[in-house]
Amino acid sequence: MQIQENVREHLAAIVEGSDDAIITKTLDGVIRSWNPSAEGLFGYAASEVIGQPIDILIPENLRHEEVEFVSRLRRGERIRHFETVRRRKNGSLVPISLTVSPVRDDAGVIVGASKIARDISTQKEMAERQHAILAEMMHRVRNCFAVAGGLVGICARDAGTASELADRLRGRFLALSSIQSMAIPDPADTSRDGTTLWAMLEVVMKPFVGATAPRLEGEDVPVCHAAITPLALVFYELCTNAVKYGAFGQERGLLTVTATRRSDRLLIRWHESAAFDIGSADGPGGFGTRMCEASMRSALDGSIAREITPRGMTALLDLDLASVTGEDEAGD
């Protein structure tokens, strides 16, 4: 008898000290026990939930899961590592991994269930982040092949011999490398203070342009170091699409970029005159467009809007001027 009592005390200590939420309930769904980790995970104190239906934790659209659990428990089954979602006291939802086991009385009859719930929010966030990174990598790889093909065509139009073609391609691929260094700077390099809009655009566009140089109109403004990466990424995306679908991929294509200060905003108009393939271009829901929008919004308090017609494409960047120039950081 003493041994059994010691075992019970030992098990109780394990339950109390577990990092996982451990809950027991009757087969008709009434909560019977609730450990401290359950309180931490769901926000309810034990006194608030013991005697209450387990449904207070289950979103309405997932209550069919509990019916299935009870059916399987009555057959003596155990549900292992079932990923689902539950509701906290404050109404927020939390993804969990759930293990459900039958609880038997002294006669071996199944009278309830024990549930072990583990918060898997971090794992879910990491999986989503990895998926986003993979999607971006796939997008970039596809773009690399498309850009390489487009650059071959651009260089071929201007080159007279195979040797000249090779030299032009080599120079443009080296320029692409410099763009990557600008867009993804070495975090250990703190020597650069920034650049200007036109200087940055010339570096970004150099690998893509053919014989006809783009027109840069309006005001050249300083670009602080923090703004280089988001702007370079967006301009690189626009150049990539211009090679694949627009002005840089056509002999008579023309690009005009205009920058205008308007109060505390900087408006940059990117206009391509070319026979644009509307059906093939990266539309509003495309990955590249979403990346540009997110970059403008988060880093420069801005937005990007595009209009595509059979005659060309216009992109308008509406940016916070101080975020681009860094003047607010200088106390101006």
C-alpha atoms as a PDB file:
ATOM      1  CA  MET A   1       0.000   0.000   0.000  1.00  0.00           C
ATOM      2  CA  GLN A   2       2.859   2.333   0.894  1.00  0.00           C
ATOM      3  CA  ILE A   3       4.553   1.527  -2.428  1.00  0.00           C
ATOM      4  CA  GLN A   4       1.377   2.436  -4.336  1.00  0.00           C
ATOM      5  CA  GLU A   5       1.134   5.706  -2.416  1.00  0.00           C
ATOM      6  CA  ASN A   6       4.763   6.518  -3.223  1.00  0.00           C
ATOM      7  CA  VAL A   7       4.137   5.778  -6.921  1.00  0.00           C
ATOM      8  CA  ARG A   8       1.114   8.088  -6.935  1.00  0.00           C
ATOM      9  CA  GLU A   9       3.114  10.870  -5.307  1.00  0.00           C
ATOM     10  CA  HIS A  10       5.926  10.365  -7.804  1.00  0.00           C
ATOM     11  CA  LEU A  11       3.521  10.508 -10.767  1.00  0.00           C
ATOM     12  CA  ALA A  12       1.824  13.581  -9.314  1.00  0.00           C
ATOM     13  CA  ALA A  13       5.202  15.303  -9.043  1.00  0.00           C
ATOM     14  CA  ILE A  14       5.984  14.462 -12.671  1.00  0.00           C
ATOM     15  CA  VAL A  15       2.651  15.896 -13.814  1.00  0.00           C
ATOM     16  CA  GLU A  16       3.093  19.051 -11.733  1.00  0.00           C
ATOM     17  CA  GLY A  17       6.626  19.626 -12.990  1.00  0.00           C
ATOM     18  CA  SER A  18       6.015  18.782 -16.660  1.00  0.00           C
ATOM     19  CA  ASP A  19       6.691  21.460 -19.279  1.00  0.00           C
ATOM     20  CA  ASP A  20       3.737  20.091 -21.269  1.00  0.00           C
ATOM     21  CA  ALA A  21       0.114  20.821 -20.442  1.00  0.00           C
ATOM     22  CA  ILE A  22      -1.423  17.685 -18.916  1.00  0.00           C
ATOM     23  CA  ILE A  23      -5.204  17.487 -18.553  1.00  0.00           C
ATOM     24  CA  THR A  24      -7.557  14.659 -17.633  1.00  0.00           C
ATOM     25  CA  LYS A  25     -11.249  14.560 -18.471  1.00  0.00           C
ATOM     26  CA  THR A  26     -14.210  12.218 -18.335  1.00  0.00           C
ATOM     27  CA  LEU A  27     -15.525  10.546 -21.482  1.00  0.00           C
ATOM     28  CA  ASP A  28     -18.381  13.041 -21.563  1.00  0.00           C
ATOM     29  CA  GLY A  29     -15.849  15.899 -21.725  1.00  0.00           C
ATOM     30  CA  VAL A  30     -15.668  17.275 -18.157  1.00  0.00           C
ATOM     31  CA  ILE A  31     -12.214  18.453 -17.048  1.00  0.00           C
ATOM     32  CA  ARG A  32     -10.980  16.598 -13.935  1.00  0.00           C
ATOM     33  CA  SER A  33      -7.373  17.772 -13.532  1.00  0.00           C
ATOM     34  CA  TRP A  34      -5.192  20.606 -14.809  1.00  0.00           C
ATOM     35  CA  ASN A  35      -1.448  21.013 -14.248  1.00  0.00           C
ATOM     36  CA  PRO A  36       0.506  24.321 -13.997  1.00  0.00           C
ATOM     37  CA  SER A  37       1.749  24.074 -17.597  1.00  0.00           C
ATOM     38  CA  ALA A  38      -1.860  23.859 -18.781  1.00  0.00           C
ATOM     39  CA  GLU A  39      -2.474  27.142 -16.978  1.00  0.00           C
ATOM     40  CA  GLY A  40       0.572  28.655 -18.691  1.00  0.00           C
ATOM     41  CA  LEU A  41      -0.463  27.423 -22.117  1.00  0.00           C
ATOM     42  CA  PHE A  42      -4.181  28.204 -22.050  1.00  0.00           C
ATOM     43  CA  GLY A  43      -4.376  31.023 -19.482  1.00  0.00           C
ATOM     44  CA  TYR A  44      -6.979  29.411 -17.188  1.00  0.00           C
ATOM     45  CA  ALA A  45      -6.276  28.641 -13.528  1.00  0.00           C
ATOM     46  CA  ALA A  46      -7.212  25.126 -12.414  1.00  0.00           C
ATOM     47  CA  SER A  47     -10.054  26.521 -10.286  1.00  0.00           C
ATOM     48  CA  GLU A  48     -11.600  28.086 -13.397  1.00  0.00           C
ATOM     49  CA  VAL A  49     -11.712  24.952 -15.532  1.00  0.00           C
ATOM     50  CA  ILE A  50     -12.029  21.879 -13.321  1.00  0.00           C
ATOM     51  CA  GLY A  51     -15.622  20.741 -13.686  1.00  0.00           C
ATOM     52  CA  GLN A  52     -16.022  22.702 -16.942  1.00  0.00           C
ATOM     53  CA  PRO A  53     -16.480  21.131 -20.409  1.00  0.00           C
ATOM     54  CA  ILE A  54     -13.324  20.615 -22.456  1.00  0.00           C
ATOM     55  CA  ASP A  55     -15.118  22.453 -25.280  1.00  0.00           C
ATOM     56  CA  ILE A  56     -14.035  25.793 -23.779  1.00  0.00           C
ATOM     57  CA  LEU A  57     -10.615  25.085 -25.318  1.00  0.00           C
ATOM     58  CA  ILE A  58     -11.815  23.886 -28.713  1.00  0.00           C
ATOM     59  CA  PRO A  59     -12.749  26.217 -31.596  1.00  0.00           C
ATOM     60  CA  GLU A  60     -16.244  25.468 -32.879  1.00  0.00           C
ATOM     61  CA  ASN A  61     -15.004  24.351 -36.281  1.00  0.00           C
ATOM     62  CA  LEU A  62     -12.775  21.703 -34.652  1.00  0.00           C
ATOM     63  CA  ARG A  63     -15.198  20.168 -32.139  1.00  0.00           C
ATOM     64  CA  HIS A  64     -15.683  17.171 -34.398  1.00  0.00           C
ATOM     65  CA  GLU A  65     -12.147  16.162 -33.365  1.00  0.00           C
ATOM     66  CA  GLU A  66     -13.304  15.546 -29.796  1.00  0.00           C
ATOM     67  CA  VAL A  67     -16.105  13.265 -30.995  1.00  0.00           C
ATOM     68  CA  GLU A  68     -13.576  11.234 -32.974  1.00  0.00           C
ATOM     69  CA  PHE A  69     -11.173  11.115 -30.019  1.00  0.00           C
ATOM     70  CA  VAL A  70     -13.854   9.703 -27.688  1.00  0.00           C
ATOM     71  CA  SER A  71     -14.817   7.087 -30.260  1.00  0.00           C
ATOM     72  CA  ARG A  72     -11.229   5.930 -30.592  1.00  0.00           C
ATOM     73  CA  LEU A  73     -10.607   6.047 -26.836  1.00  0.00           C
ATOM     74  CA  ARG A  74     -13.586   3.769 -26.197  1.00  0.00           C
ATOM     75  CA  ARG A  75     -11.846   1.239 -28.449  1.00  0.00           C
ATOM     76  CA  GLY A  76      -8.736   1.549 -26.295  1.00  0.00           C
ATOM     77  CA  GLU A  77      -6.723   3.478 -28.887  1.00  0.00           C
ATOM     78  CA  ARG A  78      -4.152   6.157 -28.157  1.00  0.00           C
ATOM     79  CA  ILE A  79      -3.857   9.285 -30.321  1.00  0.00           C
ATOM     80  CA  ARG A  80      -0.226  10.335 -30.714  1.00  0.00           C
ATOM     81  CA  HIS A  81       1.183  13.724 -31.763  1.00  0.00           C
ATOM     82  CA  PHE A  82      -2.022  14.999 -33.351  1.00  0.00           C
ATOM     83  CA  GLU A  83      -1.443  18.556 -34.613  1.00  0.00           C
ATOM     84  CA  THR A  84      -4.393  20.864 -34.117  1.00  0.00           C
ATOM     85  CA  VAL A  85      -5.372  24.291 -32.770  1.00  0.00           C
ATOM     86  CA  ARG A  86      -6.910  25.248 -29.428  1.00  0.00           C
ATOM     87  CA  ARG A  87      -8.282  28.477 -27.947  1.00  0.00           C
ATOM     88  CA  ARG A  88      -6.735  30.292 -24.990  1.00  0.00           C
ATOM     89  CA  LYS A  89      -8.674  32.171 -22.318  1.00  0.00           C
ATOM     90  CA  ASN A  90      -8.006  35.476 -24.098  1.00  0.00           C
ATOM     91  CA  GLY A  91      -9.521  34.097 -27.297  1.00  0.00           C
ATOM     92  CA  SER A  92      -6.256  33.706 -29.212  1.00  0.00           C
ATOM     93  CA  LEU A  93      -5.524  30.447 -30.999  1.00  0.00           C
ATOM     94  CA  VAL A  94      -2.439  28.334 -30.355  1.00  0.00           C
ATOM     95  CA  PRO A  95      -1.151  25.443 -32.490  1.00  0.00           C
ATOM     96  CA  ILE A  96      -0.484  22.347 -30.377  1.00  0.00           C
ATOM     97  CA  SER A  97       0.668  18.759 -30.689  1.00  0.00           C
ATOM     98  CA  LEU A  98      -1.780  16.579 -28.777  1.00  0.00           C
ATOM     99  CA  THR A  99      -1.384  13.071 -27.370  1.00  0.00           C
ATOM    100  CA  VAL A 100      -4.551  11.515 -25.959  1.00  0.00           C
ATOM    101  CA  SER A 101      -4.564   8.279 -23.912  1.00  0.00           C
ATOM    102  CA  PRO A 102      -7.419   6.314 -22.280  1.00  0.00           C
ATOM    103  CA  VAL A 103      -7.716   6.370 -18.470  1.00  0.00           C
ATOM    104  CA  ARG A 104      -8.957   3.151 -16.858  1.00  0.00           C
ATOM    105  CA  ASP A 105     -10.404   2.456 -13.405  1.00  0.00           C
ATOM    106  CA  ASP A 106      -9.248  -0.350 -11.107  1.00  0.00           C
ATOM    107  CA  ALA A 107     -11.398  -2.802 -13.040  1.00  0.00           C
ATOM    108  CA  GLY A 108      -9.764  -1.862 -16.332  1.00  0.00           C
ATOM    109  CA  VAL A 109     -12.804  -0.007 -17.651  1.00  0.00           C
ATOM    110  CA  ILE A 110     -12.087   3.127 -19.691  1.00  0.00           C
ATOM    111  CA  VAL A 111     -13.570   6.052 -17.767  1.00  0.00           C
ATOM    112  CA  GLY A 112     -11.779   9.058 -19.176  1.00  0.00           C
ATOM    113  CA  ALA A 113      -8.798  10.417 -21.049  1.00  0.00           C
ATOM    114  CA  SER A 114      -5.510  12.128 -20.347  1.00  0.00           C
ATOM    115  CA  LYS A 115      -4.313  14.777 -22.752  1.00  0.00           C
ATOM    116  CA  ILE A 116      -0.775  16.026 -23.163  1.00  0.00           C
ATOM    117  CA  ALA A 117      -0.601  19.262 -25.165  1.00  0.00           C
ATOM    118  CA  ARG A 118       2.606  20.868 -26.397  1.00  0.00           C
ATOM    119  CA  ASP A 119       2.815  24.376 -27.846  1.00  0.00           C
ATOM    120  CA  ILE A 120       4.263  24.116 -31.367  1.00  0.00           C
ATOM    121  CA  SER A 121       4.008  27.805 -32.299  1.00  0.00           C
ATOM    122  CA  THR A 122       7.775  28.120 -32.695  1.00  0.00           C
ATOM    123  CA  GLN A 123       7.990  25.048 -34.925  1.00  0.00           C
ATOM    124  CA  LYS A 124       5.125  26.339 -37.070  1.00  0.00           C
ATOM    125  CA  GLU A 125       6.746  29.755 -37.418  1.00  0.00           C
ATOM    126  CA  MET A 126      10.064  28.168 -38.365  1.00  0.00           C
ATOM    127  CA  ALA A 127       8.357  25.933 -40.940  1.00  0.00           C
ATOM    128  CA  GLU A 128       6.568  28.930 -42.458  1.00  0.00           C
ATOM    129  CA  ARG A 129       9.808  30.905 -42.525  1.00  0.00           C
ATOM    130  CA  GLN A 130      11.623  28.020 -44.217  1.00  0.00           C
ATOM    131  CA  HIS A 131       8.807  27.742 -46.754  1.00  0.00           C
ATOM    132  CA  ALA A 132       9.058  31.475 -47.497  1.00  0.00           C
ATOM    133  CA  ILE A 133      12.836  31.256 -47.860  1.00  0.00           C
ATOM    134  CA  LEU A 134      12.514  28.255 -50.180  1.00  0.00           C
ATOM    135  CA  ALA A 135       9.896  30.063 -52.259  1.00  0.00           C
ATOM    136  CA  GLU A 136      12.198  33.076 -52.575  1.00  0.00           C
ATOM    137  CA  MET A 137      15.145  30.862 -53.500  1.00  0.00           C
ATOM    138  CA  MET A 138      13.086  29.145 -56.214  1.00  0.00           C
ATOM    139  CA  HIS A 139      11.948  32.532 -57.482  1.00  0.00           C
ATOM    140  CA  ARG A 140      15.525  33.809 -57.562  1.00  0.00           C
ATOM    141  CA  VAL A 141      16.843  30.706 -59.324  1.00  0.00           C
ATOM    142  CA  ARG A 142      14.164  30.989 -62.022  1.00  0.00           C
ATOM    143  CA  ASN A 143      14.982  34.669 -62.399  1.00  0.00           C
ATOM    144  CA  CYS A 144      18.705  33.942 -62.707  1.00  0.00           C
ATOM    145  CA  PHE A 145      18.096  31.671 -65.701  1.00  0.00           C
ATOM    146  CA  ALA A 146      15.663  34.150 -67.249  1.00  0.00           C
ATOM    147  CA  VAL A 147      18.077  37.045 -66.723  1.00  0.00           C
ATOM    148  CA  ALA A 148      20.994  35.060 -68.129  1.00  0.00           C
ATOM    149  CA  GLY A 149      18.976  34.259 -71.250  1.00  0.00           C
ATOM    150  CA  GLY A 150      17.910  37.875 -71.603  1.00  0.00           C
ATOM    151  CA  LEU A 151      21.464  39.164 -71.188  1.00  0.00           C
ATOM    152  CA  VAL A 152      22.696  36.831 -73.915  1.00  0.00           C
ATOM    153  CA  GLY A 153      20.154  38.400 -76.261  1.00  0.00           C
ATOM    154  CA  ILE A 154      21.087  41.949 -75.247  1.00  0.00           C
ATOM    155  CA  CYS A 155      24.805  41.322 -75.663  1.00  0.00           C
ATOM    156  CA  ALA A 156      24.324  39.456 -78.937  1.00  0.00           C
ATOM    157  CA  ARG A 157      22.643  42.521 -80.479  1.00  0.00           C
ATOM    158  CA  ASP A 158      25.674  44.690 -79.679  1.00  0.00           C
ATOM    159  CA  ALA A 159      28.532  42.213 -80.194  1.00  0.00           C
ATOM    160  CA  GLY A 160      30.203  41.672 -83.566  1.00  0.00           C
ATOM    161  CA  THR A 161      32.208  38.534 -82.728  1.00  0.00           C
ATOM    162  CA  ALA A 162      32.037  35.563 -80.376  1.00  0.00           C
ATOM    163  CA  SER A 163      34.972  36.972 -78.389  1.00  0.00           C
ATOM    164  CA  GLU A 164      33.249  40.325 -78.040  1.00  0.00           C
ATOM    165  CA  LEU A 165      30.039  38.576 -76.940  1.00  0.00           C
ATOM    166  CA  ALA A 166      31.956  36.652 -74.271  1.00  0.00           C
ATOM    167  CA  ASP A 167      33.604  39.843 -73.011  1.00  0.00           C
ATOM    168  CA  ARG A 168      30.287  41.677 -72.800  1.00  0.00           C
ATOM    169  CA  LEU A 169      28.628  38.781 -70.973  1.00  0.00           C
ATOM    170  CA  ARG A 170      31.553  38.521 -68.557  1.00  0.00           C
ATOM    171  CA  GLY A 171      31.316  42.217 -67.747  1.00  0.00           C
ATOM    172  CA  ARG A 172      27.585  42.074 -67.146  1.00  0.00           C
ATOM    173  CA  PHE A 173      27.823  39.026 -64.888  1.00  0.00           C
ATOM    174  CA  LEU A 174      30.518  40.788 -62.864  1.00  0.00           C
ATOM    175  CA  ALA A 175      28.177  43.758 -62.566  1.00  0.00           C
ATOM    176  CA  LEU A 176      25.445  41.410 -61.343  1.00  0.00           C
ATOM    177  CA  SER A 177      27.819  40.305 -58.613  1.00  0.00           C
ATOM    178  CA  SER A 178      28.308  43.909 -57.532  1.00  0.00           C
ATOM    179  CA  ILE A 179      24.534  44.315 -57.326  1.00  0.00           C
ATOM    180  CA  GLN A 180      24.321  41.365 -54.982  1.00  0.00           C
ATOM    181  CA  SER A 181      26.992  42.961 -52.784  1.00  0.00           C
ATOM    182  CA  MET A 182      25.013  46.189 -52.730  1.00  0.00           C
ATOM    183  CA  ALA A 183      21.657  44.523 -52.040  1.00  0.00           C
ATOM    184  CA  ILE A 184      23.029  42.119 -49.424  1.00  0.00           C
ATOM    185  CA  PRO A 185      25.912  43.988 -47.764  1.00  0.00           C
ATOM    186  CA  ASP A 186      28.534  42.432 -45.536  1.00  0.00           C
ATOM    187  CA  PRO A 187      27.306  43.117 -41.972  1.00  0.00           C
ATOM    188  CA  ALA A 188      30.928  43.516 -40.844  1.00  0.00           C
ATOM    189  CA  ASP A 189      31.506  46.350 -43.337  1.00  0.00           C
ATOM    190  CA  THR A 190      30.539  49.642 -41.676  1.00  0.00           C
ATOM    191  CA  SER A 191      32.631  51.853 -43.942  1.00  0.00           C
ATOM    192  CA  ARG A 192      29.868  52.764 -46.394  1.00  0.00           C
ATOM    193  CA  ASP A 193      27.713  55.748 -45.510  1.00  0.00           C
ATOM    194  CA  GLY A 194      25.386  55.457 -48.475  1.00  0.00           C
ATOM    195  CA  THR A 195      25.090  56.515 -52.106  1.00  0.00           C
ATOM    196  CA  THR A 196      22.734  58.506 -54.319  1.00  0.00           C
ATOM    197  CA  LEU A 197      19.650  57.332 -56.154  1.00  0.00           C
ATOM    198  CA  TRP A 198      21.128  57.733 -59.643  1.00  0.00           C
ATOM    199  CA  ALA A 199      24.458  56.134 -58.662  1.00  0.00           C
ATOM    200  CA  MET A 200      22.663  53.142 -57.216  1.00  0.00           C
ATOM    201  CA  LEU A 201      20.383  52.827 -60.266  1.00  0.00           C
ATOM    202  CA  GLU A 202      23.355  52.895 -62.624  1.00  0.00           C
ATOM    203  CA  VAL A 203      24.977  50.013 -60.749  1.00  0.00           C
ATOM    204  CA  VAL A 204      21.763  48.016 -60.645  1.00  0.00           C
ATOM    205  CA  MET A 205      20.882  48.589 -64.299  1.00  0.00           C
ATOM    206  CA  LYS A 206      24.364  48.189 -65.778  1.00  0.00           C
ATOM    207  CA  PRO A 207      24.137  44.419 -66.452  1.00  0.00           C
ATOM    208  CA  PHE A 208      20.722  44.729 -68.060  1.00  0.00           C
ATOM    209  CA  VAL A 209      20.908  47.651 -70.480  1.00  0.00           C
ATOM    210  CA  GLY A 210      21.890  47.402 -74.126  1.00  0.00           C
ATOM    211  CA  ALA A 211      22.922  50.178 -76.441  1.00  0.00           C
ATOM    212  CA  THR A 212      20.130  52.546 -75.335  1.00  0.00           C
ATOM    213  CA  ALA A 213      20.744  53.860 -71.818  1.00  0.00           C
ATOM    214  CA  PRO A 214      17.703  54.573 -69.624  1.00  0.00           C
ATOM    215  CA  ARG A 215      16.754  58.200 -69.025  1.00  0.00           C
ATOM    216  CA  LEU A 216      17.084  59.431 -65.444  1.00  0.00           C
ATOM    217  CA  GLU A 217      15.042  62.570 -64.816  1.00  0.00           C
ATOM    218  CA  GLY A 218      14.241  64.735 -61.816  1.00  0.00           C
ATOM    219  CA  GLU A 219      16.144  65.087 -58.576  1.00  0.00           C
ATOM    220  CA  ASP A 220      19.011  62.844 -57.547  1.00  0.00           C
ATOM    221  CA  VAL A 221      18.648  62.316 -53.787  1.00  0.00           C
ATOM    222  CA  PRO A 222      21.006  60.756 -51.238  1.00  0.00           C
ATOM    223  CA  VAL A 223      20.263  57.157 -50.240  1.00  0.00           C
ATOM    224  CA  CYS A 224      21.326  56.178 -46.733  1.00  0.00           C
ATOM    225  CA  HIS A 225      22.919  52.808 -46.023  1.00  0.00           C
ATOM    226  CA  ALA A 226      19.739  51.375 -44.448  1.00  0.00           C
ATOM    227  CA  ALA A 227      17.712  52.161 -47.593  1.00  0.00           C
ATOM    228  CA  ILE A 228      20.152  50.636 -50.094  1.00  0.00           C
ATOM    229  CA  THR A 229      19.091  47.026 -49.591  1.00  0.00           C
ATOM    230  CA  PRO A 230      15.309  47.442 -50.004  1.00  0.00           C
ATOM    231  CA  LEU A 231      15.672  49.846 -52.931  1.00  0.00           C
ATOM    232  CA  ALA A 232      18.291  47.707 -54.700  1.00  0.00           C
ATOM    233  CA  LEU A 233      16.109  44.612 -54.326  1.00  0.00           C
ATOM    234  CA  VAL A 234      13.083  46.380 -55.800  1.00  0.00           C
ATOM    235  CA  PHE A 235      15.023  47.918 -58.701  1.00  0.00           C
ATOM    236  CA  TYR A 236      16.690  44.572 -59.358  1.00  0.00           C
ATOM    237  CA  GLU A 237      13.232  42.956 -59.537  1.00  0.00           C
ATOM    238  CA  LEU A 238      12.029  45.650 -61.948  1.00  0.00           C
ATOM    239  CA  CYS A 239      15.139  45.181 -64.119  1.00  0.00           C
ATOM    240  CA  THR A 240      14.651  41.418 -64.139  1.00  0.00           C
ATOM    241  CA  ASN A 241      11.075  41.803 -65.367  1.00  0.00           C
ATOM    242  CA  ALA A 242      12.212  44.388 -67.920  1.00  0.00           C
ATOM    243  CA  VAL A 243      14.606  41.805 -69.394  1.00  0.00           C
ATOM    244  CA  LYS A 244      12.023  39.033 -69.399  1.00  0.00           C
ATOM    245  CA  TYR A 245       8.965  40.972 -70.564  1.00  0.00           C
ATOM    246  CA  GLY A 246       9.658  44.619 -71.270  1.00  0.00           C
ATOM    247  CA  ALA A 247      12.034  47.397 -72.258  1.00  0.00           C
ATOM    248  CA  PHE A 248      15.384  45.680 -71.657  1.00  0.00           C
ATOM    249  CA  GLY A 249      14.431  42.647 -73.702  1.00  0.00           C
ATOM    250  CA  GLN A 250      13.483  44.589 -76.829  1.00  0.00           C
ATOM    251  CA  GLU A 251      15.644  46.487 -79.279  1.00  0.00           C
ATOM    252  CA  ARG A 252      13.366  49.545 -79.287  1.00  0.00           C
ATOM    253  CA  GLY A 253      12.440  49.395 -75.631  1.00  0.00           C
ATOM    254  CA  LEU A 254      12.951  52.533 -73.568  1.00  0.00           C
ATOM    255  CA  LEU A 255      13.058  53.090 -69.810  1.00  0.00           C
ATOM    256  CA  THR A 256      12.571  56.452 -68.088  1.00  0.00           C
ATOM    257  CA  VAL A 257      12.996  56.856 -64.328  1.00  0.00           C
ATOM    258  CA  THR A 258      11.801  60.094 -62.726  1.00  0.00           C
ATOM    259  CA  ALA A 259      12.325  61.134 -59.095  1.00  0.00           C
ATOM    260  CA  THR A 260      10.284  63.918 -57.496  1.00  0.00           C
ATOM    261  CA  ARG A 261      10.181  65.255 -53.924  1.00  0.00           C
ATOM    262  CA  ARG A 262       6.674  66.026 -52.711  1.00  0.00           C
ATOM    263  CA  SER A 263       6.573  67.333 -49.154  1.00  0.00           C
ATOM    264  CA  ASP A 264       7.916  64.503 -46.977  1.00  0.00           C
ATOM    265  CA  ARG A 265       7.539  61.877 -49.724  1.00  0.00           C
ATOM    266  CA  LEU A 266       9.774  60.736 -52.576  1.00  0.00           C
ATOM    267  CA  LEU A 267       7.944  59.641 -55.722  1.00  0.00           C
ATOM    268  CA  ILE A 268       9.879  57.475 -58.191  1.00  0.00           C
ATOM    269  CA  ARG A 269       8.201  56.747 -61.519  1.00  0.00           C
ATOM    270  CA  TRP A 270       9.592  53.812 -63.523  1.00  0.00           C
ATOM    271  CA  HIS A 271       8.134  53.835 -67.041  1.00  0.00           C
ATOM    272  CA  GLU A 272       8.905  51.272 -69.741  1.00  0.00           C
ATOM    273  CA  SER A 273       7.882  51.913 -73.342  1.00  0.00           C
ATOM    274  CA  ALA A 274       7.808  48.487 -74.928  1.00  0.00           C
ATOM    275  CA  ALA A 275       5.487  45.834 -76.287  1.00  0.00           C
ATOM    276  CA  PHE A 276       4.638  44.312 -72.921  1.00  0.00           C
ATOM    277  CA  ASP A 277       3.411  40.729 -72.615  1.00  0.00           C
ATOM    278  CA  ILE A 278       0.599  41.188 -70.100  1.00  0.00           C
ATOM    279  CA  GLY A 279      -0.133  37.475 -69.845  1.00  0.00           C
ATOM    280  CA  SER A 280       3.422  36.529 -68.883  1.00  0.00           C
ATOM    281  CA  ALA A 281       4.429  39.422 -66.627  1.00  0.00           C
ATOM    282  CA  ASP A 282       4.554  38.990 -62.876  1.00  0.00           C
ATOM    283  CA  GLY A 283       1.138  40.285 -61.850  1.00  0.00           C
ATOM    284  CA  PRO A 284      -0.139  41.757 -58.573  1.00  0.00           C
ATOM    285  CA  GLY A 285      -0.185  38.356 -56.872  1.00  0.00           C
ATOM    286  CA  GLY A 286       3.240  37.244 -58.088  1.00  0.00           C
ATOM    287  CA  PHE A 287       6.041  36.494 -55.666  1.00  0.00           C
ATOM    288  CA  GLY A 288       8.277  39.272 -56.972  1.00  0.00           C
ATOM    289  CA  THR A 289       5.501  41.842 -56.625  1.00  0.00           C
ATOM    290  CA  ARG A 290       4.720  40.710 -53.080  1.00  0.00           C
ATOM    291  CA  MET A 291       8.407  40.899 -52.183  1.00  0.00           C
ATOM    292  CA  CYS A 292       8.633  44.467 -53.529  1.00  0.00           C
ATOM    293  CA  GLU A 293       5.508  45.554 -51.666  1.00  0.00           C
ATOM    294  CA  ALA A 294       6.714  44.041 -48.388  1.00  0.00           C
ATOM    295  CA  SER A 295      10.160  45.618 -48.780  1.00  0.00           C
ATOM    296  CA  MET A 296       8.757  49.089 -49.486  1.00  0.00           C
ATOM    297  CA  ARG A 297       6.208  48.892 -46.680  1.00  0.00           C
ATOM    298  CA  SER A 298       8.441  47.582 -43.905  1.00  0.00           C
ATOM    299  CA  ALA A 299      11.703  49.405 -44.635  1.00  0.00           C
ATOM    300  CA  LEU A 300      10.695  52.693 -46.260  1.00  0.00           C
ATOM    301  CA  ASP A 301       7.104  53.292 -45.105  1.00  0.00           C
ATOM    302  CA  GLY A 302       6.153  53.198 -48.751  1.00  0.00           C
ATOM    303  CA  SER A 303       4.203  51.435 -51.444  1.00  0.00           C
ATOM    304  CA  ILE A 304       4.569  50.364 -55.058  1.00  0.00           C
ATOM    305  CA  ALA A 305       1.798  50.392 -57.641  1.00  0.00           C
ATOM    306  CA  ARG A 306       2.049  49.062 -61.176  1.00  0.00           C
ATOM    307  CA  GLU A 307       0.041  49.540 -64.342  1.00  0.00           C
ATOM    308  CA  ILE A 308       0.662  47.198 -67.277  1.00  0.00           C
ATOM    309  CA  THR A 309      -0.680  47.765 -70.774  1.00  0.00           C
ATOM    310  CA  PRO A 310       0.241  46.229 -74.161  1.00  0.00           C
ATOM    311  CA  ARG A 311       2.399  49.338 -74.773  1.00  0.00           C
ATOM    312  CA  GLY A 312       4.419  49.174 -71.601  1.00  0.00           C
ATOM    313  CA  MET A 313       4.557  49.228 -67.829  1.00  0.00           C
ATOM    314  CA  THR A 314       4.614  51.987 -65.231  1.00  0.00           C
ATOM    315  CA  ALA A 315       5.593  51.441 -61.587  1.00  0.00           C
ATOM    316  CA  LEU A 316       5.160  54.206 -59.031  1.00  0.00           C
ATOM    317  CA  LEU A 317       7.126  54.044 -55.787  1.00  0.00           C
ATOM    318  CA  ASP A 318       5.743  56.307 -53.049  1.00  0.00           C
ATOM    319  CA  LEU A 319       8.365  56.433 -50.265  1.00  0.00           C
ATOM    320  CA  ASP A 320       9.014  58.230 -46.999  1.00  0.00           C
ATOM    321  CA  LEU A 321      11.721  60.726 -47.943  1.00  0.00           C
ATOM    322  CA  ALA A 322      13.456  60.673 -44.562  1.00  0.00           C
ATOM    323  CA  SER A 323      13.670  56.859 -44.613  1.00  0.00           C
ATOM    324  CA  VAL A 324      15.423  57.030 -47.990  1.00  0.00           C
ATOM    325  CA  THR A 325      17.839  59.845 -47.223  1.00  0.00           C
ATOM    326  CA  GLY A 326      18.391  59.156 -43.522  1.00  0.00           C
ATOM    327  CA  GLU A 327      17.965  62.855 -42.761  1.00  0.00           C
ATOM    328  CA  ASP A 328      15.817  62.151 -39.703  1.00  0.00           C
ATOM    329  CA  GLU A 329      18.713  60.200 -38.159  1.00  0.00           C
ATOM    330  CA  ALA A 330      20.955  63.247 -38.655  1.00  0.00           C
ATOM    331  CA  GLY A 331      18.551  65.413 -36.703  1.00  0.00           C
ATOM    332  CA  ASP A 332      17.292  67.401 -39.712  1.00  0.00           C
END
